[in-house]
Protein backbone atom coordinates (compact mmCIF):
# COMPACT_ATOMS: atom_id res chain seq x y z
CA MET A 1 178.19 96.29 -2.63
CA ARG A 2 174.86 98.35 -1.89
CA TYR A 3 173.68 95.36 0.41
CA LEU A 4 177.21 95.19 2.03
CA ARG A 5 176.72 99.14 2.80
CA HIS A 6 173.54 98.98 4.14
CA THR A 7 173.95 96.23 6.86
CA SER A 8 177.44 97.76 7.82
CA ILE A 9 175.68 100.99 8.70
CA TYR A 10 173.14 99.31 10.37
CA ALA A 11 175.70 97.35 12.42
CA LEU A 12 177.61 100.29 13.17
CA LEU A 13 174.70 101.89 14.33
CA MET A 14 173.59 99.10 16.69
CA ALA A 15 177.30 99.36 18.16
CA ALA A 16 177.14 102.97 18.85
CA ILE A 17 173.71 102.49 20.64
CA VAL A 18 174.55 99.99 22.67
CA VAL A 19 177.94 101.49 23.96
CA ALA A 20 176.69 105.06 24.50
CA SER A 21 173.72 103.60 26.70
CA ASN A 22 176.05 101.21 28.81
CA PHE A 23 177.99 104.70 29.07
CA PHE A 24 174.80 106.45 30.15
CA VAL A 25 173.02 103.85 32.83
CA GLN A 26 175.72 104.55 35.13
CA PHE A 27 174.47 108.07 35.05
CA PRO A 28 171.11 108.72 37.18
CA LEU A 29 169.45 111.91 36.34
CA SER A 30 169.64 114.39 38.51
CA GLY A 31 167.48 117.25 40.00
CA THR A 32 163.68 116.82 41.05
CA LEU A 33 160.25 116.82 39.28
CA PHE A 34 157.20 117.43 41.08
CA GLY A 35 159.17 116.33 44.38
CA VAL A 36 160.09 112.94 43.29
CA GLN A 37 163.87 112.62 43.16
CA LEU A 38 165.05 111.98 39.37
CA GLY A 39 167.86 109.63 40.63
CA ASP A 40 165.38 107.85 42.28
CA LEU A 41 163.49 106.80 39.24
CA LEU A 42 165.90 106.86 35.74
CA THR A 43 169.23 107.17 34.42
CA TRP A 44 170.49 108.39 31.15
CA GLY A 45 170.64 105.30 29.20
CA ALA A 46 167.03 104.83 29.52
CA PHE A 47 167.05 107.60 26.52
CA THR A 48 169.45 105.96 24.15
CA TYR A 49 168.93 102.61 24.05
CA PRO A 50 165.08 101.81 22.91
CA VAL A 51 166.61 103.37 19.53
CA ALA A 52 168.45 100.05 19.13
CA PHE A 53 164.59 98.38 18.70
CA LEU A 54 164.15 100.90 15.32
CA VAL A 55 167.48 99.97 14.02
CA THR A 56 166.85 96.11 14.36
CA ASP A 57 162.98 96.93 12.89
CA LEU A 58 164.37 99.11 9.67
CA THR A 59 166.84 95.99 9.15
CA ASN A 60 164.51 93.60 9.29
CA ARG A 61 161.60 94.94 7.13
CA GLN A 62 164.55 95.58 4.66
CA PHE A 63 166.57 92.40 4.58
CA GLY A 64 164.65 90.10 6.56
CA PRO A 65 165.08 88.50 10.04
CA SER A 66 168.29 86.89 9.04
CA ILE A 67 169.87 89.47 8.15
CA ALA A 68 168.39 91.49 11.33
CA ARG A 69 169.87 88.61 13.26
CA ARG A 70 173.47 89.08 11.78
CA VAL A 71 173.22 92.98 12.49
CA VAL A 72 172.30 92.41 15.95
CA LEU A 73 175.04 89.98 16.53
CA ALA A 74 177.67 92.23 15.38
CA GLY A 75 176.21 94.93 17.30
CA PHE A 76 176.40 92.83 19.99
CA VAL A 77 179.78 91.58 19.79
CA VAL A 78 181.11 95.32 19.04
CA GLY A 79 179.01 97.02 21.51
CA VAL A 80 179.94 94.80 23.80
CA ALA A 81 183.53 95.11 23.48
CA ALA A 82 183.67 98.58 23.55
CA SER A 83 181.36 98.53 26.22
CA PHE A 84 184.43 96.85 28.62
CA TRP A 85 186.41 100.01 27.34
CA THR A 86 183.91 102.95 28.95
CA SER A 87 182.07 100.93 31.48
CA ILE A 88 182.74 98.19 34.19
CA PRO A 89 182.37 94.84 32.96
CA ARG A 90 179.50 93.56 35.05
CA ILE A 91 177.64 96.49 33.56
CA ALA A 92 178.69 95.17 30.19
CA ILE A 93 177.71 91.52 30.62
CA ALA A 94 174.41 92.88 31.89
CA SER A 95 174.09 94.64 28.52
CA GLY A 96 175.39 91.69 26.30
CA THR A 97 173.02 89.30 27.48
CA ALA A 98 169.90 91.49 27.62
CA PHE A 99 170.14 93.12 24.07
CA LEU A 100 171.01 90.02 22.66
CA VAL A 101 168.08 88.24 24.49
CA GLY A 102 165.56 91.11 23.85
CA GLN A 103 166.43 92.03 20.09
CA LEU A 104 166.19 88.55 19.23
CA LEU A 105 162.56 88.23 20.69
CA ASP A 106 161.81 91.71 18.68
CA ILE A 107 163.20 89.76 15.63
CA SER A 108 160.53 87.11 15.69
CA ILE A 109 157.82 88.70 16.89
CA PHE A 110 158.10 91.95 13.93
CA ASN A 111 158.60 88.53 11.62
CA GLN A 112 155.27 87.27 12.74
CA LEU A 113 153.35 90.22 12.71
CA ARG A 114 155.30 91.58 9.53
CA ARG A 115 151.59 91.49 7.16
CA GLN A 116 149.52 93.24 9.77
CA THR A 117 148.76 96.77 9.78
CA TRP A 118 152.46 98.41 9.86
CA TRP A 119 152.79 99.17 12.91
CA HIS A 120 151.53 96.25 14.53
CA ALA A 121 155.22 94.30 14.16
CA PRO A 122 157.55 97.50 15.19
CA LEU A 123 155.33 98.36 18.41
CA ALA A 124 154.92 94.78 19.98
CA GLY A 125 158.00 93.47 19.00
CA SER A 126 159.96 96.89 20.70
CA LEU A 127 157.79 96.13 24.07
CA ALA A 128 158.43 92.53 24.19
CA GLY A 129 161.88 92.77 23.84
CA SER A 130 162.03 95.92 26.10
CA ALA A 131 160.56 94.16 28.83
CA ILE A 132 162.66 91.26 28.64
CA ASP A 133 165.88 93.63 28.24
CA THR A 134 165.36 95.96 31.45
CA ALA A 135 164.55 92.96 33.46
CA LEU A 136 167.69 90.81 32.82
CA PHE A 137 169.71 94.00 32.52
CA PHE A 138 168.73 95.57 35.84
CA SER A 139 168.66 92.23 37.40
CA LEU A 140 172.38 91.17 35.85
CA ALA A 141 173.45 94.74 36.50
CA PHE A 142 172.56 95.81 39.81
CA ALA A 143 171.02 93.00 42.47
CA SER A 144 173.11 92.53 45.25
CA THR A 145 172.47 88.46 44.97
CA LEU A 146 174.66 88.72 41.68
CA ALA A 147 177.19 89.84 42.55
CA VAL A 148 179.40 87.20 41.63
CA LEU A 149 179.35 89.05 38.05
CA GLY A 150 180.97 92.05 39.60
CA PRO A 151 180.95 94.53 42.90
CA ASN A 152 177.96 95.99 43.37
CA ASP A 153 176.95 99.82 43.08
CA ALA A 154 176.15 100.72 46.74
CA PHE A 155 173.63 103.78 45.71
CA ALA A 156 171.94 101.00 43.38
CA ILE A 157 171.34 98.58 45.91
CA GLU A 158 170.24 101.51 48.70
CA TRP A 159 166.68 100.79 49.19
CA ALA A 160 164.70 103.87 48.63
CA PRO A 161 160.64 104.35 47.88
CA ILE A 162 159.39 102.60 44.68
CA LEU A 163 159.60 105.11 42.14
CA GLY A 164 160.58 107.77 44.20
CA ILE A 165 156.71 108.60 45.56
CA MET A 166 155.43 105.21 47.40
CA ALA A 167 155.65 104.17 50.94
CA THR A 168 157.19 100.77 50.03
CA GLU A 169 160.86 100.70 49.62
CA ALA A 170 162.73 98.55 47.31
CA PRO A 171 166.42 98.49 46.34
CA ARG A 172 166.96 101.77 43.94
CA TRP A 173 167.45 99.09 41.17
CA VAL A 174 164.01 98.50 41.01
CA SER A 175 162.86 101.77 40.50
CA TRP A 176 165.24 102.29 38.06
CA ALA A 177 164.02 98.97 36.10
CA LEU A 178 160.25 100.29 36.38
CA GLY A 179 161.31 104.25 34.84
CA ASP A 180 163.62 102.84 32.49
CA LEU A 181 160.54 100.46 30.88
CA GLY A 182 158.40 103.39 31.23
CA VAL A 183 160.89 105.19 29.09
CA LYS A 184 161.42 102.83 26.78
CA ILE A 185 157.36 101.99 26.35
CA LEU A 186 156.90 105.52 25.38
CA VAL A 187 160.12 106.00 23.12
CA GLY A 188 158.86 102.65 21.65
CA PHE A 189 155.46 104.67 20.18
CA VAL A 190 157.68 107.76 19.35
CA MET A 191 159.54 105.68 17.31
CA LEU A 192 156.82 104.61 15.40
CA LEU A 193 157.03 107.68 13.28
CA PRO A 194 160.40 107.65 11.91
CA TYR A 195 159.46 103.95 11.37
CA GLY A 196 156.38 105.13 9.14
CA ALA A 197 158.20 108.18 7.61
CA LEU A 198 161.15 105.73 6.57
CA MET A 199 159.21 102.94 5.52
CA SER A 200 158.69 104.20 1.81
CA VAL A 201 162.32 105.02 1.63
CA LEU A 202 163.72 101.43 2.87
CA LYS A 203 161.56 99.29 1.20
CA PRO A 204 161.51 95.49 1.69
CA MET A 205 164.56 93.95 -0.75
CA PRO A 206 163.52 90.87 -2.78
CA PRO A 207 166.10 87.55 -1.52
CA ALA A 208 168.08 87.89 -5.29
CA LYS A 209 168.69 90.85 -4.78
CA ALA A 210 169.24 91.49 -1.38
CA ALA A 211 172.35 88.96 -2.32
CA GLY A 212 174.03 91.09 -4.47
């Protein structure tokens, strides 16, 4: 019963993160910072989604990769289904694809490095997962060449200086992707703090005990 309760909590957390991120990614930041238009650089979704890697890594640490994959799948199904209510279908499709690939990569890398220094596995897994997730999500969600997945976002495909400051221009979603990845990398380091703090609480459970 305890085992089911814990995995259910992880799955619900994962679903909530996916739904929130799918909603907030539709809203660019407003205002300027050091003369840079933040709307050309970031969406609000960049600040919520990286927490998914913390949930995945804690599940993997406590229950192992098999259960972590089940939690990711549960979060994927519930999150994407709910996302069709809170965002457009193209965003939901892009998010679901990127989420599944990125999280499964994170699980694989974490499992390979789990016996090394405590921070190696969560950091390497989240950084690699974030990179592939970002590339997949923003290209599927906003690239004009993939309009078959849904209508193009006029603001996203409008050309603007890369990162809002460079002389070279590109569709605005490219800057969003770069800014998003930068935030994910930063948050990946920050998430080591709660991960390290929870290590003594969420200890790995032996297979026999977990099965009960």
